[in-house]
Structures are given as C-alpha cells and as structure tokens.
Amino acid sequence: MVVMLGLVVADIIGIKLFNNPIPGGIEITAFLGVVVTAFAIAYTQVLRGHIEVEFVVMHLPKRVQAVVHAFVCLLGLALFIFLAWRSVDYGLSLQATGTVSMTQGIPFYPFVHAIAFCCIPVCLLLVVEFSRSLMKAVKK
C-alpha cells in the first residue's frame, strides 16, 4: 500500500510540476492493487473481518446458528473454489495469448495466477470453519 501511495504521489508530482508522468504508473498501481487485495483475503478471513449480516441469525438457537454458519462456509468454499478454478483458466488463456499491459508490457497472467493461489488458504480456512460449525451443531 505504501508503494502504491508513493507511486501515485510521485506520478502526480511528475505530471503537475515537470509535465512528465511516470511511464506506466497507473498500470503498476493497478497490478499492486491486485497483489494487495488478493493476498489480504486470507488474512481477513483469519481475522473474521469479512462482512456478516447477523441481525436475524443472532436471534436463533445456538444449534441453528451453527448450522447456518456451516452452510455459509460451504457457500464461501464453493465461491472460492470457483474463483480459483476460473482464475487459473483465465491466467492460462492470458499466458497462451501473451497478453501484456499497454505501456510497460507487463504480462497479466502472473497476477491472475496470484489470485488463484490466494484462494487456496481461504478454502482451507473455510473447511476448518465449516468443520468447527458442524461440530457445534452436532454437539449442542
């Protein structure tokens, strides 16, 4: 994030003061944004920082709450498996076609593969959360 901020500030200063922007500054910032976002997903999952709407579920019995949480974990797992699969597929197609950014010629496929790679720990975390919720539902 700090590198992105520094790059944007340097690009703005270059444009305004020297009439000379950093070549590919916007592209590099976009690629860094992908990296920051993709690698933050699993960390956010560990912290349970993703948005949850619980105003209905919190009024249900504990066992039903655990069942609902297990179901939500399964849906999340399906989503991230799908995201990983489609990211790998898309990354391979970008690699095969040789798609690169317009200004700097940076290949897109490593960043798309990074998204797929970052889905793996999220899937593992969701499996763990699913099993914990299932144990709570069965135990109570």
N, C-alpha and C. Protein backbone atom coordinates (compact mmCIF):
# COMPACT_ATOMS: atom_id res chain seq x y z
N MET A 1 0.83 -1.18 0.00
CA MET A 1 0.00 0.00 0.00
C MET A 1 0.88 1.25 0.00
N VAL A 2 1.96 1.22 0.78
CA VAL A 2 2.85 2.38 0.85
C VAL A 2 3.50 2.62 -0.51
N VAL A 3 3.90 1.54 -1.18
CA VAL A 3 4.50 1.67 -2.51
C VAL A 3 3.49 2.26 -3.48
N MET A 4 2.25 1.79 -3.39
CA MET A 4 1.20 2.33 -4.27
C MET A 4 1.01 3.83 -4.02
N LEU A 5 0.95 4.20 -2.75
CA LEU A 5 0.78 5.61 -2.39
C LEU A 5 1.94 6.44 -2.91
N GLY A 6 3.16 5.95 -2.68
CA GLY A 6 4.34 6.68 -3.15
C GLY A 6 4.37 6.83 -4.66
N LEU A 7 3.97 5.78 -5.35
CA LEU A 7 3.94 5.82 -6.81
C LEU A 7 2.91 6.82 -7.32
N VAL A 8 1.75 6.83 -6.72
CA VAL A 8 0.70 7.79 -7.13
C VAL A 8 1.14 9.22 -6.85
N VAL A 9 1.71 9.46 -5.68
CA VAL A 9 2.18 10.81 -5.34
C VAL A 9 3.29 11.25 -6.28
N ALA A 10 4.23 10.36 -6.55
CA ALA A 10 5.32 10.69 -7.47
C ALA A 10 4.79 10.96 -8.88
N ASP A 11 3.80 10.20 -9.30
CA ASP A 11 3.20 10.40 -10.61
C ASP A 11 2.50 11.75 -10.69
N ILE A 12 1.77 12.10 -9.64
CA ILE A 12 1.08 13.40 -9.62
C ILE A 12 2.08 14.54 -9.62
N ILE A 13 3.12 14.43 -8.81
CA ILE A 13 4.16 15.48 -8.78
C ILE A 13 4.82 15.58 -10.14
N GLY A 14 5.11 14.44 -10.76
CA GLY A 14 5.72 14.45 -12.09
C GLY A 14 4.84 15.11 -13.12
N ILE A 15 3.54 14.89 -13.04
CA ILE A 15 2.61 15.49 -14.00
C ILE A 15 2.48 16.99 -13.76
N LYS A 16 2.25 17.37 -12.51
CA LYS A 16 1.95 18.77 -12.20
C LYS A 16 3.19 19.68 -12.26
N LEU A 17 4.31 19.22 -11.75
CA LEU A 17 5.49 20.09 -11.68
C LEU A 17 6.40 19.99 -12.90
N PHE A 18 6.54 18.79 -13.44
CA PHE A 18 7.51 18.59 -14.51
C PHE A 18 6.87 18.23 -15.84
N ASN A 19 5.55 18.16 -15.87
CA ASN A 19 4.81 17.80 -17.07
C ASN A 19 5.33 16.48 -17.66
N ASN A 20 5.71 15.57 -16.76
CA ASN A 20 6.28 14.30 -17.18
C ASN A 20 5.84 13.20 -16.20
N PRO A 21 4.78 12.47 -16.52
CA PRO A 21 4.31 11.42 -15.60
C PRO A 21 5.26 10.22 -15.60
N ILE A 22 5.12 9.39 -14.59
CA ILE A 22 5.88 8.15 -14.53
C ILE A 22 5.28 7.19 -15.56
N PRO A 23 6.09 6.71 -16.51
CA PRO A 23 5.55 5.80 -17.52
C PRO A 23 5.02 4.51 -16.88
N GLY A 24 3.77 4.22 -17.13
CA GLY A 24 3.16 3.01 -16.60
C GLY A 24 2.79 3.09 -15.13
N GLY A 25 2.77 4.28 -14.58
CA GLY A 25 2.46 4.43 -13.16
C GLY A 25 1.08 3.90 -12.81
N ILE A 26 0.12 4.16 -13.66
CA ILE A 26 -1.25 3.69 -13.41
C ILE A 26 -1.31 2.16 -13.51
N GLU A 27 -0.61 1.60 -14.50
CA GLU A 27 -0.58 0.14 -14.65
C GLU A 27 0.04 -0.54 -13.43
N ILE A 28 1.17 -0.02 -13.01
CA ILE A 28 1.88 -0.62 -11.87
C ILE A 28 1.02 -0.51 -10.61
N THR A 29 0.36 0.62 -10.43
CA THR A 29 -0.54 0.78 -9.28
C THR A 29 -1.68 -0.24 -9.33
N ALA A 30 -2.22 -0.46 -10.51
CA ALA A 30 -3.30 -1.44 -10.66
C ALA A 30 -2.81 -2.86 -10.34
N PHE A 31 -1.64 -3.21 -10.83
CA PHE A 31 -1.09 -4.54 -10.54
C PHE A 31 -0.81 -4.71 -9.05
N LEU A 32 -0.27 -3.67 -8.43
CA LEU A 32 -0.02 -3.72 -6.99
C LEU A 32 -1.34 -3.83 -6.21
N GLY A 33 -2.38 -3.19 -6.71
CA GLY A 33 -3.70 -3.31 -6.08
C GLY A 33 -4.21 -4.74 -6.12
N VAL A 34 -3.98 -5.43 -7.22
CA VAL A 34 -4.37 -6.84 -7.31
C VAL A 34 -3.62 -7.66 -6.28
N VAL A 35 -2.32 -7.42 -6.17
CA VAL A 35 -1.50 -8.17 -5.22
C VAL A 35 -1.96 -7.91 -3.79
N VAL A 36 -2.15 -6.66 -3.44
CA VAL A 36 -2.57 -6.31 -2.08
C VAL A 36 -3.93 -6.93 -1.75
N THR A 37 -4.87 -6.80 -2.67
CA THR A 37 -6.22 -7.32 -2.43
C THR A 37 -6.23 -8.84 -2.34
N ALA A 38 -5.57 -9.51 -3.28
CA ALA A 38 -5.59 -10.97 -3.30
C ALA A 38 -4.94 -11.56 -2.05
N PHE A 39 -3.81 -11.00 -1.66
CA PHE A 39 -3.11 -11.57 -0.51
C PHE A 39 -3.74 -11.17 0.82
N ALA A 40 -4.65 -10.20 0.81
CA ALA A 40 -5.31 -9.79 2.05
C ALA A 40 -6.57 -10.61 2.34
N ILE A 41 -7.06 -11.35 1.36
CA ILE A 41 -8.32 -12.08 1.55
C ILE A 41 -8.19 -13.13 2.65
N ALA A 42 -7.13 -13.94 2.60
CA ALA A 42 -6.97 -14.99 3.62
C ALA A 42 -6.73 -14.38 5.00
N TYR A 43 -5.94 -13.33 5.05
CA TYR A 43 -5.67 -12.68 6.33
C TYR A 43 -6.97 -12.13 6.93
N THR A 44 -7.79 -11.54 6.10
CA THR A 44 -9.07 -11.02 6.56
C THR A 44 -9.97 -12.16 7.04
N GLN A 45 -9.90 -13.31 6.37
CA GLN A 45 -10.68 -14.47 6.80
C GLN A 45 -10.22 -14.96 8.16
N VAL A 46 -8.91 -14.96 8.40
CA VAL A 46 -8.39 -15.38 9.71
C VAL A 46 -8.91 -14.45 10.80
N LEU A 47 -8.94 -13.15 10.51
CA LEU A 47 -9.40 -12.16 11.49
C LEU A 47 -10.92 -12.10 11.59
N ARG A 48 -11.61 -12.87 10.75
CA ARG A 48 -13.07 -12.84 10.65
C ARG A 48 -13.53 -11.41 10.36
N GLY A 49 -12.84 -10.79 9.43
CA GLY A 49 -13.11 -9.40 9.09
C GLY A 49 -14.06 -9.22 7.92
N HIS A 50 -14.50 -10.32 7.31
CA HIS A 50 -15.43 -10.20 6.20
C HIS A 50 -16.81 -9.83 6.75
N ILE A 51 -17.58 -9.20 5.93
CA ILE A 51 -18.89 -8.71 6.34
C ILE A 51 -19.83 -9.89 6.60
N GLU A 52 -20.50 -9.86 7.73
CA GLU A 52 -21.52 -10.84 8.07
C GLU A 52 -22.77 -10.09 8.50
N VAL A 53 -23.89 -10.51 7.99
CA VAL A 53 -25.16 -9.91 8.40
C VAL A 53 -25.81 -10.90 9.36
N GLU A 54 -25.80 -10.55 10.63
CA GLU A 54 -26.24 -11.49 11.66
C GLU A 54 -27.50 -11.06 12.39
N PHE A 55 -28.13 -9.99 11.99
CA PHE A 55 -29.24 -9.49 12.80
C PHE A 55 -30.41 -10.46 12.87
N VAL A 56 -30.54 -11.39 11.94
CA VAL A 56 -31.58 -12.41 12.02
C VAL A 56 -31.03 -13.66 12.71
N VAL A 57 -29.84 -14.06 12.32
CA VAL A 57 -29.26 -15.31 12.81
C VAL A 57 -28.98 -15.25 14.31
N MET A 58 -28.62 -14.08 14.82
CA MET A 58 -28.27 -13.99 16.25
C MET A 58 -29.46 -14.26 17.18
N HIS A 59 -30.67 -14.21 16.64
CA HIS A 59 -31.86 -14.48 17.45
C HIS A 59 -32.27 -15.95 17.41
N LEU A 60 -31.57 -16.75 16.62
CA LEU A 60 -31.89 -18.17 16.51
C LEU A 60 -31.17 -18.95 17.62
N PRO A 61 -31.61 -20.17 17.88
CA PRO A 61 -30.91 -21.00 18.85
C PRO A 61 -29.47 -21.29 18.38
N LYS A 62 -28.59 -21.58 19.34
CA LYS A 62 -27.16 -21.78 19.04
C LYS A 62 -26.94 -22.89 18.01
N ARG A 63 -27.69 -23.94 18.11
CA ARG A 63 -27.53 -25.05 17.17
C ARG A 63 -27.88 -24.62 15.75
N VAL A 64 -28.95 -23.87 15.60
CA VAL A 64 -29.36 -23.38 14.28
C VAL A 64 -28.33 -22.37 13.76
N GLN A 65 -27.80 -21.54 14.66
CA GLN A 65 -26.74 -20.60 14.26
C GLN A 65 -25.54 -21.36 13.68
N ALA A 66 -25.17 -22.45 14.33
CA ALA A 66 -24.03 -23.24 13.86
C ALA A 66 -24.33 -23.87 12.50
N VAL A 67 -25.56 -24.33 12.30
CA VAL A 67 -25.93 -24.91 11.01
C VAL A 67 -25.90 -23.84 9.92
N VAL A 68 -26.42 -22.66 10.21
CA VAL A 68 -26.40 -21.56 9.23
C VAL A 68 -24.96 -21.18 8.91
N HIS A 69 -24.12 -21.10 9.94
CA HIS A 69 -22.71 -20.75 9.71
C HIS A 69 -22.01 -21.82 8.87
N ALA A 70 -22.31 -23.08 9.11
CA ALA A 70 -21.73 -24.16 8.31
C ALA A 70 -22.17 -24.04 6.86
N PHE A 71 -23.44 -23.74 6.64
CA PHE A 71 -23.96 -23.57 5.28
C PHE A 71 -23.28 -22.39 4.58
N VAL A 72 -23.10 -21.29 5.30
CA VAL A 72 -22.44 -20.12 4.73
C VAL A 72 -20.98 -20.45 4.39
N CYS A 73 -20.33 -21.22 5.24
CA CYS A 73 -18.95 -21.64 4.96
C CYS A 73 -18.90 -22.49 3.69
N LEU A 74 -19.87 -23.37 3.52
CA LEU A 74 -19.93 -24.18 2.29
C LEU A 74 -20.13 -23.31 1.05
N LEU A 75 -21.00 -22.32 1.17
CA LEU A 75 -21.19 -21.40 0.04
C LEU A 75 -19.91 -20.63 -0.26
N GLY A 76 -19.25 -20.16 0.78
CA GLY A 76 -17.98 -19.46 0.59
C GLY A 76 -16.92 -20.35 -0.03
N LEU A 77 -16.87 -21.60 0.43
CA LEU A 77 -15.92 -22.56 -0.12
C LEU A 77 -16.18 -22.78 -1.61
N ALA A 78 -17.45 -22.94 -1.97
CA ALA A 78 -17.81 -23.10 -3.38
C ALA A 78 -17.40 -21.88 -4.19
N LEU A 79 -17.62 -20.70 -3.63
CA LEU A 79 -17.25 -19.46 -4.32
C LEU A 79 -15.75 -19.39 -4.57
N PHE A 80 -14.95 -19.68 -3.54
CA PHE A 80 -13.50 -19.54 -3.69
C PHE A 80 -12.90 -20.66 -4.53
N ILE A 81 -13.50 -21.84 -4.50
CA ILE A 81 -13.05 -22.90 -5.42
C ILE A 81 -13.33 -22.48 -6.85
N PHE A 82 -14.52 -21.94 -7.08
CA PHE A 82 -14.88 -21.46 -8.43
C PHE A 82 -13.94 -20.32 -8.85
N LEU A 83 -13.67 -19.39 -7.96
CA LEU A 83 -12.78 -18.27 -8.27
C LEU A 83 -11.38 -18.76 -8.60
N ALA A 84 -10.87 -19.72 -7.84
CA ALA A 84 -9.54 -20.27 -8.11
C ALA A 84 -9.51 -20.97 -9.46
N TRP A 85 -10.51 -21.79 -9.72
CA TRP A 85 -10.58 -22.53 -10.98
C TRP A 85 -10.63 -21.59 -12.17
N ARG A 86 -11.53 -20.60 -12.11
CA ARG A 86 -11.67 -19.67 -13.23
C ARG A 86 -10.45 -18.77 -13.38
N SER A 87 -9.78 -18.45 -12.26
CA SER A 87 -8.58 -17.63 -12.34
C SER A 87 -7.44 -18.39 -13.01
N VAL A 88 -7.30 -19.66 -12.66
CA VAL A 88 -6.28 -20.48 -13.33
C VAL A 88 -6.58 -20.58 -14.82
N ASP A 89 -7.83 -20.85 -15.14
CA ASP A 89 -8.23 -20.96 -16.54
C ASP A 89 -7.96 -19.66 -17.30
N TYR A 90 -8.35 -18.55 -16.70
CA TYR A 90 -8.14 -17.25 -17.34
C TYR A 90 -6.66 -16.92 -17.44
N GLY A 91 -5.90 -17.21 -16.40
CA GLY A 91 -4.46 -16.97 -16.42
C GLY A 91 -3.77 -17.76 -17.52
N LEU A 92 -4.18 -19.02 -17.69
CA LEU A 92 -3.60 -19.84 -18.76
C LEU A 92 -3.93 -19.29 -20.14
N SER A 93 -5.16 -18.76 -20.30
CA SER A 93 -5.51 -18.18 -21.60
C SER A 93 -4.74 -16.88 -21.85
N LEU A 94 -4.53 -16.09 -20.79
CA LEU A 94 -3.72 -14.88 -20.95
C LEU A 94 -2.27 -15.23 -21.27
N GLN A 95 -1.78 -16.28 -20.65
CA GLN A 95 -0.41 -16.72 -20.91
C GLN A 95 -0.27 -17.22 -22.35
N ALA A 96 -1.25 -17.98 -22.81
CA ALA A 96 -1.20 -18.52 -24.17
C ALA A 96 -1.27 -17.43 -25.23
N THR A 97 -2.06 -16.39 -24.95
CA THR A 97 -2.19 -15.31 -25.94
C THR A 97 -1.10 -14.26 -25.79
N GLY A 98 -0.36 -14.29 -24.68
CA GLY A 98 0.72 -13.32 -24.47
C GLY A 98 0.22 -11.92 -24.16
N THR A 99 -0.90 -11.81 -23.48
CA THR A 99 -1.48 -10.51 -23.17
C THR A 99 -0.61 -9.77 -22.16
N VAL A 100 -0.27 -8.52 -22.52
CA VAL A 100 0.57 -7.68 -21.66
C VAL A 100 -0.08 -6.31 -21.51
N SER A 101 0.40 -5.56 -20.52
CA SER A 101 -0.13 -4.20 -20.32
C SER A 101 0.33 -3.30 -21.46
N MET A 102 -0.39 -2.22 -21.66
CA MET A 102 -0.15 -1.37 -22.84
C MET A 102 1.14 -0.56 -22.76
N THR A 103 1.45 0.02 -21.64
CA THR A 103 2.59 0.93 -21.56
C THR A 103 3.89 0.20 -21.27
N GLN A 104 3.91 -0.63 -20.24
CA GLN A 104 5.14 -1.28 -19.80
C GLN A 104 5.33 -2.69 -20.34
N GLY A 105 4.31 -3.26 -20.92
CA GLY A 105 4.42 -4.61 -21.45
C GLY A 105 4.53 -5.67 -20.36
N ILE A 106 3.92 -5.42 -19.21
CA ILE A 106 3.95 -6.37 -18.10
C ILE A 106 2.90 -7.45 -18.37
N PRO A 107 3.29 -8.73 -18.31
CA PRO A 107 2.30 -9.79 -18.53
C PRO A 107 1.24 -9.81 -17.43
N PHE A 108 0.02 -10.08 -17.84
CA PHE A 108 -1.10 -10.12 -16.90
C PHE A 108 -1.18 -11.44 -16.14
N TYR A 109 -0.77 -12.54 -16.78
CA TYR A 109 -1.06 -13.86 -16.22
C TYR A 109 -0.48 -14.12 -14.83
N PRO A 110 0.71 -13.61 -14.46
CA PRO A 110 1.17 -13.91 -13.10
C PRO A 110 0.25 -13.34 -12.02
N PHE A 111 -0.36 -12.22 -12.30
CA PHE A 111 -1.25 -11.59 -11.33
C PHE A 111 -2.56 -12.36 -11.21
N VAL A 112 -3.04 -12.89 -12.32
CA VAL A 112 -4.26 -13.70 -12.29
C VAL A 112 -3.98 -15.03 -11.58
N HIS A 113 -2.80 -15.60 -11.82
CA HIS A 113 -2.43 -16.82 -11.10
C HIS A 113 -2.26 -16.55 -9.60
N ALA A 114 -1.81 -15.36 -9.25
CA ALA A 114 -1.68 -14.99 -7.83
C ALA A 114 -3.05 -14.99 -7.15
N ILE A 115 -4.06 -14.53 -7.86
CA ILE A 115 -5.42 -14.56 -7.31
C ILE A 115 -5.84 -16.00 -7.03
N ALA A 116 -5.57 -16.90 -7.98
CA ALA A 116 -5.91 -18.31 -7.79
C ALA A 116 -5.13 -18.89 -6.60
N PHE A 117 -3.86 -18.56 -6.51
CA PHE A 117 -3.02 -19.06 -5.41
C PHE A 117 -3.55 -18.58 -4.06
N CYS A 118 -4.02 -17.35 -4.00
CA CYS A 118 -4.52 -16.78 -2.74
C CYS A 118 -5.85 -17.39 -2.32
N CYS A 119 -6.54 -18.04 -3.24
CA CYS A 119 -7.81 -18.69 -2.89
C CYS A 119 -7.58 -19.98 -2.10
N ILE A 120 -6.41 -20.59 -2.24
CA ILE A 120 -6.14 -21.87 -1.57
C ILE A 120 -6.22 -21.74 -0.05
N PRO A 121 -5.49 -20.79 0.58
CA PRO A 121 -5.62 -20.70 2.04
C PRO A 121 -7.02 -20.32 2.50
N VAL A 122 -7.72 -19.53 1.70
CA VAL A 122 -9.10 -19.17 2.06
C VAL A 122 -9.97 -20.43 2.08
N CYS A 123 -9.80 -21.28 1.08
CA CYS A 123 -10.56 -22.54 1.04
C CYS A 123 -10.23 -23.41 2.25
N LEU A 124 -8.97 -23.49 2.60
CA LEU A 124 -8.58 -24.29 3.77
C LEU A 124 -9.19 -23.72 5.05
N LEU A 125 -9.17 -22.41 5.17
CA LEU A 125 -9.77 -21.77 6.35
C LEU A 125 -11.27 -22.02 6.41
N LEU A 126 -11.93 -21.99 5.26
CA LEU A 126 -13.37 -22.23 5.23
C LEU A 126 -13.69 -23.68 5.56
N VAL A 127 -12.84 -24.61 5.17
CA VAL A 127 -13.04 -26.01 5.54
C VAL A 127 -12.94 -26.17 7.05
N VAL A 128 -11.95 -25.51 7.65
CA VAL A 128 -11.78 -25.57 9.11
C VAL A 128 -13.00 -24.95 9.80
N GLU A 129 -13.43 -23.78 9.33
CA GLU A 129 -14.61 -23.14 9.94
C GLU A 129 -15.87 -23.99 9.76
N PHE A 130 -15.99 -24.61 8.60
CA PHE A 130 -17.15 -25.48 8.36
C PHE A 130 -17.15 -26.64 9.35
N SER A 131 -15.99 -27.27 9.52
CA SER A 131 -15.94 -28.42 10.44
C SER A 131 -16.20 -27.98 11.89
N ARG A 132 -15.72 -26.82 12.27
CA ARG A 132 -15.99 -26.32 13.63
C ARG A 132 -17.48 -26.05 13.83
N SER A 133 -18.09 -25.43 12.83
CA SER A 133 -19.53 -25.15 12.92
C SER A 133 -20.34 -26.43 12.96
N LEU A 134 -19.92 -27.39 12.17
CA LEU A 134 -20.61 -28.67 12.15
C LEU A 134 -20.48 -29.37 13.50
N MET A 135 -19.31 -29.30 14.11
CA MET A 135 -19.12 -29.89 15.44
C MET A 135 -20.00 -29.20 16.48
N LYS A 136 -20.13 -27.87 16.36
CA LYS A 136 -21.01 -27.14 17.29
C LYS A 136 -22.46 -27.54 17.10
N ALA A 137 -22.85 -27.73 15.85
CA ALA A 137 -24.25 -28.09 15.57
C ALA A 137 -24.56 -29.48 16.08
N VAL A 138 -23.62 -30.38 15.97
CA VAL A 138 -23.84 -31.77 16.40
C VAL A 138 -23.73 -31.87 17.93
N LYS A 139 -22.81 -31.14 18.50
CA LYS A 139 -22.54 -31.22 19.94
C LYS A 139 -23.68 -30.67 20.79
N LYS A 140 -24.31 -29.60 20.36
CA LYS A 140 -25.31 -28.94 21.20
C LYS A 140 -26.67 -29.53 21.04
